[in-house]
């Protein structure tokens, strides 16, 4: 079923011959999509990379692009699973900022107001806008969730940058470009 789904044109499938694919150039890259729309855009980008660029090893049955890494960040984990076909994101390409006890964390309004790193947050205006699915499109909630996992995210980004640059043999880790 998966193979047939991945061939559907509306899932980014179709037949692109090897002669139509472009040669890879440039350096190592990390492409990041944040939120529902960002995850969708990242999946489209990944689909286009697989459709239009020659893989690292053209003779391999499964194309790989080790120096191009993808990272989808969202508070709603269903966003990662909703992508079908060639642009489907793997577990390694998904970073969840979900917080199971979000409502309880946001009830501590005075504690939030005391934190300098959350001074931008209008905590009093958020209460009635909480969603059962992640940030629910409320940007302040999304930022709050992102900040709550910033150390894990920094570690994940560093790891993906290292993977991308090591795969592109003549680069050093600090030469990976990031695209949001």
Protein backbone atom coordinates (compact mmCIF):
# COMPACT_ATOMS: atom_id res chain seq x y z
CA UNK A 1 0.00 0.00 0.00
CA UNK A 2 2.79 2.47 0.87
CA UNK A 3 4.54 2.06 -2.49
CA UNK A 4 1.32 2.66 -4.39
CA UNK A 5 0.51 5.71 -2.23
CA UNK A 6 3.97 7.16 -2.88
CA UNK A 7 3.44 6.97 -6.64
CA UNK A 8 0.28 9.08 -6.65
CA UNK A 9 0.85 12.49 -8.23
CA UNK A 10 -1.03 14.28 -5.44
CA UNK A 11 1.50 12.76 -2.99
CA UNK A 12 4.42 14.08 -5.02
CA UNK A 13 4.91 10.80 -6.85
CA UNK A 14 5.30 10.15 -10.50
CA UNK A 15 8.17 9.09 -12.68
CA UNK A 16 11.25 11.27 -13.08
CA UNK A 17 14.04 9.67 -15.07
CA UNK A 18 17.64 9.84 -13.90
CA UNK A 19 18.52 12.02 -16.90
CA UNK A 20 16.08 14.68 -15.69
CA UNK A 21 17.67 14.96 -12.24
CA UNK A 22 20.13 17.74 -11.48
CA UNK A 23 23.63 17.19 -10.21
CA UNK A 24 24.18 18.04 -6.55
CA UNK A 25 26.25 21.12 -5.74
CA UNK A 26 26.82 23.36 -2.78
CA UNK A 27 27.48 22.17 0.72
CA UNK A 28 25.90 20.53 3.69
CA UNK A 29 22.46 21.85 4.68
CA UNK A 30 19.94 21.57 7.47
CA UNK A 31 16.38 22.47 6.47
CA UNK A 32 13.99 23.23 9.33
CA UNK A 33 10.20 23.55 9.29
CA UNK A 34 8.45 24.92 12.37
CA UNK A 35 4.73 24.45 13.09
CA UNK A 36 2.07 22.87 10.92
CA UNK A 37 2.70 25.01 7.84
CA UNK A 38 6.47 24.72 8.29
CA UNK A 39 6.24 20.92 8.49
CA UNK A 40 4.14 20.85 5.30
CA UNK A 41 6.64 23.11 3.51
CA UNK A 42 9.54 20.95 4.70
CA UNK A 43 7.84 17.81 3.37
CA UNK A 44 7.37 19.53 -0.01
CA UNK A 45 11.04 20.53 -0.04
CA UNK A 46 12.15 16.99 0.83
CA UNK A 47 9.91 15.64 -1.93
CA UNK A 48 11.49 18.04 -4.46
CA UNK A 49 15.02 17.11 -3.35
CA UNK A 50 14.26 13.42 -3.90
CA UNK A 51 12.57 14.11 -7.23
CA UNK A 52 15.00 16.57 -8.73
CA UNK A 53 18.50 15.88 -7.38
CA UNK A 54 20.78 12.97 -8.09
CA UNK A 55 21.27 10.90 -4.92
CA UNK A 56 24.64 10.46 -3.18
CA UNK A 57 24.97 7.04 -4.81
CA UNK A 58 23.00 6.90 -8.10
CA UNK A 59 23.30 3.08 -8.20
CA UNK A 60 21.67 2.63 -4.77
CA UNK A 61 18.09 1.28 -4.86
CA UNK A 62 17.10 3.70 -2.08
CA UNK A 63 18.20 7.30 -2.72
CA UNK A 64 20.03 9.02 0.12
CA UNK A 65 21.10 12.61 0.64
CA UNK A 66 23.18 12.43 3.80
CA UNK A 67 24.52 15.99 3.55
CA UNK A 68 20.97 17.37 3.37
CA UNK A 69 19.23 16.95 6.71
CA UNK A 70 15.61 17.79 7.52
CA UNK A 71 14.08 18.76 10.86
CA UNK A 72 10.36 19.24 11.48
CA UNK A 73 9.42 20.94 14.76
CA UNK A 74 5.83 20.90 15.99
CA UNK A 75 3.78 20.58 19.15
CA UNK A 76 1.19 18.39 17.41
CA UNK A 77 2.81 15.04 16.63
CA UNK A 78 0.07 14.14 14.15
CA UNK A 79 1.63 16.73 11.79
CA UNK A 80 4.64 14.43 11.35
CA UNK A 81 2.52 11.40 10.57
CA UNK A 82 0.25 13.19 8.09
CA UNK A 83 2.93 13.48 5.41
CA UNK A 84 2.67 10.81 2.72
CA UNK A 85 4.83 9.70 -0.17
CA UNK A 86 8.39 10.72 -0.92
CA UNK A 87 8.30 13.69 1.46
CA UNK A 88 7.41 11.49 4.43
CA UNK A 89 9.43 12.45 7.49
CA UNK A 90 11.31 9.86 9.51
CA UNK A 91 11.41 9.75 13.32
CA UNK A 92 14.94 11.21 13.20
CA UNK A 93 13.60 14.19 11.23
CA UNK A 94 10.82 15.03 13.70
CA UNK A 95 11.23 16.98 16.93
CA UNK A 96 8.19 17.23 19.18
CA UNK A 97 7.76 20.20 21.49
CA UNK A 98 4.56 18.68 22.86
CA UNK A 99 3.92 19.24 26.57
CA UNK A 100 1.31 16.87 28.03
CA UNK A 101 0.65 19.16 31.02
CA UNK A 102 0.54 22.41 29.01
CA UNK A 103 -2.63 23.78 30.62
CA UNK A 104 -1.21 23.22 34.10
CA UNK A 105 2.12 24.84 33.15
CA UNK A 106 0.32 27.92 31.82
CA UNK A 107 -1.86 28.26 34.94
CA UNK A 108 1.19 29.42 36.88
CA UNK A 109 0.77 32.96 35.52
CA UNK A 110 2.80 34.66 38.25
CA UNK A 111 5.69 32.24 37.78
CA UNK A 112 5.67 32.94 34.03
CA UNK A 113 5.55 36.71 34.58
CA UNK A 114 8.61 36.45 36.86
CA UNK A 115 10.80 34.78 34.21
CA UNK A 116 12.78 37.27 32.15
CA UNK A 117 12.96 34.93 29.16
CA UNK A 118 9.13 34.90 29.03
CA UNK A 119 8.63 38.68 29.38
CA UNK A 120 7.22 38.84 25.83
CA UNK A 121 4.34 36.53 26.75
CA UNK A 122 0.84 37.94 27.31
CA UNK A 123 -0.14 35.11 29.62
CA UNK A 124 -3.47 36.67 30.61
CA UNK A 125 -4.67 36.68 26.98
CA UNK A 126 -3.89 33.01 26.33
CA UNK A 127 -6.07 31.15 28.83
CA UNK A 128 -9.22 30.79 26.69
CA UNK A 129 -7.28 29.96 23.52
CA UNK A 130 -5.65 26.65 24.51
CA UNK A 131 -6.06 23.71 22.18
CA UNK A 132 -6.05 19.98 22.79
CA UNK A 133 -3.66 19.61 19.84
CA UNK A 134 -0.35 21.24 20.63
CA UNK A 135 -0.13 25.03 20.37
CA UNK A 136 -3.30 25.12 18.25
CA UNK A 137 -1.89 27.88 16.04
CA UNK A 138 -1.38 30.25 18.99
CA UNK A 139 2.12 31.60 18.35
CA UNK A 140 2.82 32.55 21.95
CA UNK A 141 2.01 29.03 23.10
CA UNK A 142 4.24 27.62 20.35
CA UNK A 143 7.12 29.88 21.44
CA UNK A 144 6.58 28.87 25.08
CA UNK A 145 6.76 25.19 24.09
CA UNK A 146 9.86 25.77 21.96
CA UNK A 147 11.63 27.58 24.81
CA UNK A 148 10.71 24.75 27.20
CA UNK A 149 12.71 22.30 25.09
CA UNK A 150 15.44 24.61 23.82
CA UNK A 151 18.34 22.56 25.26
CA UNK A 152 17.11 19.35 23.61
CA UNK A 153 16.52 21.24 20.36
CA UNK A 154 20.03 22.72 20.37
CA UNK A 155 21.45 19.24 20.84
CA UNK A 156 19.30 17.84 17.99
CA UNK A 157 20.33 20.65 15.62
CA UNK A 158 24.01 20.20 16.48
CA UNK A 159 23.72 16.46 15.82
CA UNK A 160 22.04 16.97 12.43
CA UNK A 161 24.60 19.61 11.42
CA UNK A 162 27.40 17.22 12.29
CA UNK A 163 25.76 14.40 10.31
CA UNK A 164 25.34 16.66 7.29
CA UNK A 165 28.88 18.04 7.37
CA UNK A 166 30.56 14.68 8.02
CA UNK A 167 28.69 13.28 5.04
CA UNK A 168 30.04 16.08 2.88
CA UNK A 169 33.69 15.11 3.22
CA UNK A 170 35.48 18.38 2.49
CA UNK A 171 33.51 20.47 5.00
CA UNK A 172 33.89 21.02 8.71
CA UNK A 173 30.93 20.98 11.13
CA UNK A 174 30.65 24.78 11.24
CA UNK A 175 30.13 24.96 7.47
CA UNK A 176 26.61 23.53 7.44
CA UNK A 177 24.04 26.09 6.30
CA UNK A 178 20.63 26.16 7.95
CA UNK A 179 17.38 27.10 6.21
CA UNK A 180 14.17 27.84 8.11
